[in-house]
Amino acid sequence: MNNTLISVVSPIYGCKTCLQELYIRLRQTLETISPEFEIILVNDASPDGAWETILELSKKDQRVKGLNLSRNFGQHYAITAGLDYCNGEWVVVMDCDLQDVPEEISRLYNKAKEGFDIVLAQRINRRDSFIKKGLSKIFYSILSYLTESKQDYKVANFGIYNKKVINAILNMKDYIRYFPTMVRWVGFRSETIEVIHSERYSGGTSYSVKKLLKLALDIVLSFSDKPLRLTIKLGLGISFLAILYAIYNFFRYFNGQIAVTGWTSLIFSIWFLSGVIIFILGIVGLYVGKTFEKVKNRPTFIIMDKINE
């Protein structure tokens, strides 16, 4: 019978130098709660040799379990692999760079014991650059609008989740995985507490502006049909303006204000409406493309190696 109380899932990419410190602080914190815990480190094809460090840690402590993905699938796919593998009654998801402070897990757990299935960590003062914080605000604002869900740029993956929440998320067969939005979609009793956000222990973020834009597009296409509904409104709006313009020119014609009709407005109309049509077809094409990816039913991650199963 499995007696694991807490599982900690952390995707690993570019954080080899953080792992020893991460393990020590996690072990010290978790042992104050219960000796029955596991630390699941998911190596997302980290280019710095992080898997070797995970192997070393797993030899020292059988509670450290490692998953080595066959290639780089992305942060949220690595999280999904860890969630699929964990056994704990409660599951903590956190980043590996120690910006998510391990010592805050005790507060998250104590809050959860008050009767909540989800306790999210809200970073009081984000220890990120001004540019990154600004981009995050814009990213989550657009995401909130297009997905019609509440998104907080101060809340990311860090939090504690009951096993039934994790099972509900795993039952979502979405090809595109984005953990925070999936957590909000499944519901359950949730609470948010303010936590300390630390400086990055080493390295830098792997999310460029290009990757953030791609992530945002994937999330919107996976979790919302609002762009399609917006294109309908756009089409209706253009049609309404075209009718007003036609009525306006109708009166101008009978008042003798239009002597010779030109071709400028005609060419403009053709080019403008052609652009709108191509734009709408592009959005529809994106949805069709994502549907094509879904029906292929490929696995969202592939595990190459496991340690301490």
Protein backbone atom coordinates (compact mmCIF):
# COMPACT_ATOMS: atom_id res chain seq x y z
CA MET A 1 0.00 0.00 0.00
CA ASN A 2 1.30 3.44 -0.91
CA ASN A 3 1.78 5.68 2.14
CA THR A 4 3.37 8.66 0.38
CA LEU A 5 1.93 11.85 1.81
CA ILE A 6 3.60 14.47 -0.39
CA SER A 7 5.07 14.27 -3.88
CA VAL A 8 7.13 17.15 -5.22
CA VAL A 9 7.27 17.39 -9.03
CA SER A 10 9.87 19.64 -10.62
CA PRO A 11 10.72 19.89 -14.34
CA ILE A 12 14.45 20.21 -14.88
CA TYR A 13 16.01 22.26 -17.65
CA GLY A 14 19.26 24.23 -17.44
CA CYS A 15 19.41 23.95 -13.65
CA LYS A 16 22.11 21.40 -12.93
CA THR A 17 23.86 23.68 -10.45
CA CYS A 18 20.60 24.15 -8.52
CA LEU A 19 19.81 20.49 -7.93
CA GLN A 20 21.96 19.78 -4.86
CA GLU A 21 20.65 22.86 -3.07
CA LEU A 22 17.09 22.10 -4.21
CA TYR A 23 17.29 18.56 -2.80
CA ILE A 24 18.76 19.65 0.55
CA ARG A 25 16.15 22.33 1.13
CA LEU A 26 13.28 20.13 -0.03
CA ARG A 27 14.38 17.28 2.23
CA GLN A 28 14.73 19.55 5.25
CA THR A 29 11.31 21.10 4.67
CA LEU A 30 9.43 17.89 3.85
CA GLU A 31 10.84 16.00 6.83
CA THR A 32 9.22 18.54 9.14
CA ILE A 33 5.86 17.52 7.64
CA SER A 34 6.31 13.76 7.17
CA PRO A 35 9.07 11.26 6.36
CA GLU A 36 6.74 9.79 3.72
CA PHE A 37 7.53 11.93 0.70
CA GLU A 38 9.03 11.66 -2.76
CA ILE A 39 10.87 14.13 -4.94
CA ILE A 40 10.30 13.59 -8.66
CA LEU A 41 12.82 15.35 -10.88
CA VAL A 42 11.87 15.29 -14.57
CA ASN A 43 14.81 15.89 -16.85
CA ASP A 44 13.45 17.64 -19.95
CA ALA A 45 16.59 16.91 -22.01
CA SER A 46 18.53 19.52 -20.06
CA PRO A 47 21.68 20.38 -22.08
CA ASP A 48 23.91 20.83 -19.00
CA GLY A 49 24.09 17.18 -17.89
CA ALA A 50 21.44 17.49 -15.17
CA TRP A 51 20.50 13.80 -15.48
CA GLU A 52 23.87 12.72 -14.04
CA THR A 53 23.22 14.87 -10.96
CA ILE A 54 19.72 13.40 -10.62
CA LEU A 55 21.27 9.91 -10.71
CA GLU A 56 23.68 10.88 -7.93
CA LEU A 57 20.89 12.25 -5.75
CA SER A 58 18.71 9.19 -6.33
CA LYS A 59 21.53 6.92 -5.15
CA LYS A 60 21.87 8.89 -1.91
CA ASP A 61 18.15 8.96 -1.21
CA GLN A 62 15.61 6.45 -2.54
CA ARG A 63 12.91 9.09 -2.14
CA VAL A 64 14.43 11.00 -5.04
CA LYS A 65 12.97 9.65 -8.27
CA GLY A 66 14.12 10.63 -11.71
CA LEU A 67 12.44 10.64 -15.09
CA ASN A 68 14.54 11.24 -18.19
CA LEU A 69 12.54 12.34 -21.22
CA SER A 70 13.67 11.22 -24.67
CA ARG A 71 13.90 14.83 -25.91
CA ASN A 72 12.93 18.34 -24.88
CA PHE A 73 9.12 18.37 -24.79
CA GLY A 74 8.67 21.61 -22.82
CA GLN A 75 8.05 22.58 -19.22
CA HIS A 76 4.35 21.72 -19.00
CA TYR A 77 4.79 18.36 -20.71
CA ALA A 78 7.55 17.53 -18.24
CA ILE A 79 5.18 18.49 -15.41
CA THR A 80 2.55 16.15 -16.88
CA ALA A 81 5.09 13.30 -16.93
CA GLY A 82 5.85 13.89 -13.25
CA LEU A 83 2.18 14.08 -12.32
CA ASP A 84 1.51 10.81 -14.13
CA TYR A 85 4.27 9.16 -12.12
CA CYS A 86 3.67 10.55 -8.61
CA ASN A 87 1.97 8.68 -5.74
CA GLY A 88 1.43 11.30 -3.04
CA GLU A 89 -1.87 12.22 -1.46
CA TRP A 90 -0.73 15.80 -1.97
CA VAL A 91 1.35 16.99 -4.91
CA VAL A 92 3.56 20.07 -4.98
CA VAL A 93 4.56 21.46 -8.39
CA MET A 94 7.49 23.86 -8.45
CA ASP A 95 10.29 25.13 -10.68
CA CYS A 96 13.83 23.90 -10.17
CA ASP A 97 15.67 27.24 -10.15
CA LEU A 98 14.81 27.97 -6.46
CA GLN A 99 12.80 31.05 -7.26
CA ASP A 100 9.97 28.96 -5.83
CA VAL A 101 11.11 28.77 -2.20
CA PRO A 102 11.00 25.17 -0.85
CA GLU A 103 10.40 26.39 2.72
CA GLU A 104 7.01 27.77 1.66
CA ILE A 105 5.71 24.22 1.11
CA SER A 106 4.91 23.93 4.83
CA ARG A 107 2.62 26.97 4.65
CA LEU A 108 0.96 25.64 1.49
CA TYR A 109 0.34 22.27 3.14
CA ASN A 110 -1.01 23.78 6.37
CA LYS A 111 -3.42 25.94 4.37
CA ALA A 112 -4.57 22.93 2.36
CA LYS A 113 -5.36 21.05 5.58
CA GLU A 114 -7.94 23.74 6.36
CA GLY A 115 -10.16 22.12 3.72
CA PHE A 116 -8.82 23.21 0.34
CA ASP A 117 -7.99 20.94 -2.59
CA ILE A 118 -5.76 23.52 -4.26
CA VAL A 119 -3.54 26.13 -2.65
CA LEU A 120 -1.76 28.40 -5.12
CA ALA A 121 1.35 30.40 -4.34
CA GLN A 122 1.07 34.08 -5.20
CA ARG A 123 4.48 35.73 -5.49
CA ILE A 124 4.43 38.99 -3.50
CA ASN A 125 7.47 40.61 -5.10
CA ARG A 126 8.59 38.87 -8.25
CA ARG A 127 12.38 38.72 -8.42
CA ASP A 128 12.44 39.15 -12.17
CA SER A 129 13.60 41.91 -14.47
CA PHE A 130 11.31 44.84 -15.19
CA ILE A 131 10.99 43.70 -18.82
CA LYS A 132 10.03 40.13 -17.86
CA LYS A 133 7.43 41.33 -15.35
CA GLY A 134 6.00 43.71 -17.94
CA LEU A 135 5.82 40.98 -20.58
CA SER A 136 4.18 38.64 -18.05
CA LYS A 137 1.48 41.22 -17.28
CA ILE A 138 0.74 41.68 -20.97
CA PHE A 139 0.85 37.92 -21.58
CA TYR A 140 -1.60 37.08 -18.79
CA SER A 141 -3.91 40.02 -19.62
CA ILE A 142 -4.29 38.86 -23.21
CA LEU A 143 -4.59 35.26 -22.03
CA SER A 144 -7.36 36.18 -19.57
CA TYR A 145 -9.29 38.00 -22.28
CA LEU A 146 -8.98 35.36 -24.99
CA THR A 147 -9.51 32.31 -22.74
CA GLU A 148 -12.21 34.05 -20.66
CA SER A 149 -10.58 32.82 -17.46
CA LYS A 150 -8.97 34.64 -14.57
CA GLN A 151 -5.20 34.71 -14.93
CA ASP A 152 -2.83 36.22 -12.37
CA TYR A 153 0.71 37.00 -13.50
CA LYS A 154 1.87 36.54 -9.90
CA VAL A 155 0.67 32.90 -9.86
CA ALA A 156 2.50 30.25 -11.89
CA ASN A 157 2.96 26.50 -11.32
CA PHE A 158 3.96 26.62 -7.66
CA GLY A 159 1.26 25.27 -5.38
CA ILE A 160 -0.03 22.17 -3.62
CA TYR A 161 -2.76 20.00 -5.12
CA ASN A 162 -4.82 17.12 -3.80
CA LYS A 163 -4.44 13.84 -5.67
CA LYS A 164 -8.03 14.04 -6.97
CA VAL A 165 -7.17 17.38 -8.62
CA ILE A 166 -4.14 15.79 -10.26
CA ASN A 167 -6.22 12.85 -11.47
CA ALA A 168 -8.75 15.26 -12.97
CA ILE A 169 -5.96 17.12 -14.80
CA LEU A 170 -4.48 13.86 -16.10
CA ASN A 171 -7.90 12.85 -17.40
CA MET A 172 -7.86 15.95 -19.60
CA LYS A 173 -6.65 14.58 -22.92
CA ASP A 174 -5.63 17.95 -24.34
CA TYR A 175 -2.68 17.67 -26.69
CA ILE A 176 -1.52 21.13 -25.62
CA ARG A 177 -0.64 21.18 -21.93
CA TYR A 178 -0.54 24.35 -19.82
CA PHE A 179 -0.68 23.50 -16.15
CA PRO A 180 -2.02 26.76 -14.57
CA THR A 181 -4.97 27.00 -16.98
CA MET A 182 -5.77 23.30 -16.53
CA VAL A 183 -5.82 23.79 -12.75
CA ARG A 184 -8.33 26.62 -13.10
CA TRP A 185 -10.47 24.62 -15.52
CA VAL A 186 -10.96 21.56 -13.26
CA GLY A 187 -12.32 23.67 -10.41
CA PHE A 188 -12.33 22.24 -6.83
CA ARG A 189 -11.97 24.21 -3.62
CA SER A 190 -9.02 26.55 -3.99
CA GLU A 191 -7.22 29.28 -2.09
CA THR A 192 -4.26 31.55 -2.75
CA ILE A 193 -1.61 32.59 -0.25
CA GLU A 194 1.22 35.07 -0.64
CA VAL A 195 4.71 33.57 -0.71
CA ILE A 196 8.26 34.81 -0.98
CA HIS A 197 9.74 34.79 -4.48
CA SER A 198 13.50 34.39 -4.48
CA GLU A 199 16.27 35.34 -6.86
CA ARG A 200 17.17 32.73 -9.47
CA TYR A 201 19.89 30.48 -8.00
CA SER A 202 21.74 30.26 -11.31
CA GLY A 203 21.17 30.41 -15.05
CA GLY A 204 18.48 32.32 -16.91
CA THR A 205 14.98 31.85 -18.19
CA SER A 206 14.45 29.56 -21.19
CA TYR A 207 11.37 31.53 -22.30
CA SER A 208 12.15 34.04 -25.03
CA VAL A 209 9.56 36.47 -26.39
CA LYS A 210 9.09 34.15 -29.37
CA LYS A 211 8.46 31.15 -27.11
CA LEU A 212 6.02 33.13 -24.97
CA LEU A 213 4.06 34.19 -28.05
CA LYS A 214 3.95 30.60 -29.30
CA LEU A 215 2.86 29.39 -25.85
CA ALA A 216 0.12 32.04 -25.70
CA LEU A 217 -1.15 31.07 -29.16
CA ASP A 218 -1.18 27.36 -28.26
CA ILE A 219 -3.06 28.03 -25.01
CA VAL A 220 -5.70 30.20 -26.66
CA LEU A 221 -6.28 27.68 -29.46
CA SER A 222 -6.50 24.82 -26.97
CA PHE A 223 -8.68 26.40 -24.29
CA SER A 224 -10.90 28.86 -26.14
CA ASP A 225 -12.88 29.44 -29.33
CA LYS A 226 -13.03 33.17 -28.67
CA PRO A 227 -10.80 34.10 -31.64
CA LEU A 228 -13.37 32.46 -33.93
CA ARG A 229 -16.18 34.41 -32.26
CA LEU A 230 -14.16 37.62 -32.58
CA THR A 231 -13.78 37.05 -36.32
CA ILE A 232 -17.59 36.82 -36.61
CA LYS A 233 -17.89 40.17 -34.81
CA LEU A 234 -15.20 41.60 -37.07
CA GLY A 235 -17.08 40.44 -40.18
CA LEU A 236 -20.37 41.88 -38.91
CA GLY A 237 -18.67 45.16 -38.02
CA ILE A 238 -17.12 45.50 -41.48
CA SER A 239 -20.47 44.68 -43.11
CA PHE A 240 -22.20 47.34 -40.99
CA LEU A 241 -19.61 49.97 -41.90
CA ALA A 242 -19.90 48.99 -45.57
CA ILE A 243 -23.69 49.53 -45.45
CA LEU A 244 -23.25 52.96 -43.83
CA TYR A 245 -20.67 53.89 -46.45
CA ALA A 246 -22.99 52.75 -49.24
CA ILE A 247 -25.89 54.84 -47.85
CA TYR A 248 -23.57 57.84 -47.52
CA ASN A 249 -22.45 57.55 -51.15
CA PHE A 250 -26.04 56.97 -52.27
CA PHE A 251 -27.06 60.40 -50.93
CA ARG A 252 -23.90 62.02 -52.31
CA TYR A 253 -24.70 60.64 -55.74
CA PHE A 254 -28.25 62.06 -55.80
CA ASN A 255 -26.96 65.41 -54.48
CA GLY A 256 -24.59 65.60 -57.43
CA GLN A 257 -21.46 65.38 -55.29
CA ILE A 258 -20.16 62.35 -57.19
CA ALA A 259 -19.63 63.14 -60.85
CA VAL A 260 -17.28 60.37 -61.87
CA THR A 261 -16.80 57.29 -59.76
CA GLY A 262 -13.18 56.38 -59.22
CA TRP A 263 -11.50 53.06 -58.85
CA THR A 264 -9.53 53.91 -55.66
CA SER A 265 -12.33 52.95 -53.30
CA LEU A 266 -12.96 49.78 -55.29
CA ILE A 267 -9.33 48.67 -55.12
CA PHE A 268 -9.15 49.59 -51.44
CA SER A 269 -12.28 47.55 -50.72
CA ILE A 270 -10.94 44.52 -52.59
CA TRP A 271 -7.58 44.61 -50.84
CA PHE A 272 -9.09 45.28 -47.42
CA LEU A 273 -11.73 42.57 -47.61
CA SER A 274 -9.22 40.12 -49.10
CA GLY A 275 -6.96 40.72 -46.12
CA VAL A 276 -9.85 40.17 -43.69
CA ILE A 277 -10.85 36.95 -45.45
CA ILE A 278 -7.28 35.62 -45.40
CA PHE A 279 -6.98 36.58 -41.73
CA ILE A 280 -10.18 34.69 -40.84
CA LEU A 281 -9.15 31.67 -42.91
CA GLY A 282 -5.79 31.71 -41.12
CA ILE A 283 -7.45 31.53 -37.70
CA VAL A 284 -9.75 28.73 -38.86
CA GLY A 285 -6.69 26.98 -40.32
CA LEU A 286 -4.90 27.14 -36.99
CA TYR A 287 -7.82 25.42 -35.27
CA VAL A 288 -7.92 22.78 -38.01
CA GLY A 289 -4.17 22.27 -37.60
CA LYS A 290 -4.48 21.78 -33.85
CA THR A 291 -7.35 19.33 -34.45
CA PHE A 292 -5.07 17.45 -36.85
CA GLU A 293 -2.37 17.24 -34.16
CA LYS A 294 -4.95 15.96 -31.67
CA VAL A 295 -6.39 13.19 -33.87
CA LYS A 296 -2.89 11.78 -34.47
CA ASN A 297 -3.07 10.78 -30.79
CA ARG A 298 0.67 10.92 -30.26
CA PRO A 299 1.97 10.76 -26.67
CA THR A 300 2.58 14.15 -25.08
CA PHE A 301 5.88 12.91 -23.64
CA ILE A 302 8.18 9.87 -23.90
CA ILE A 303 10.17 8.61 -20.91
CA MET A 304 13.56 7.20 -21.83
CA ASP A 305 14.86 6.32 -18.34
CA LYS A 306 13.43 5.97 -14.85
CA ILE A 307 15.23 5.77 -11.54
CA ASN A 308 13.90 4.58 -8.15
CA GLU A 309 10.55 3.41 -9.50
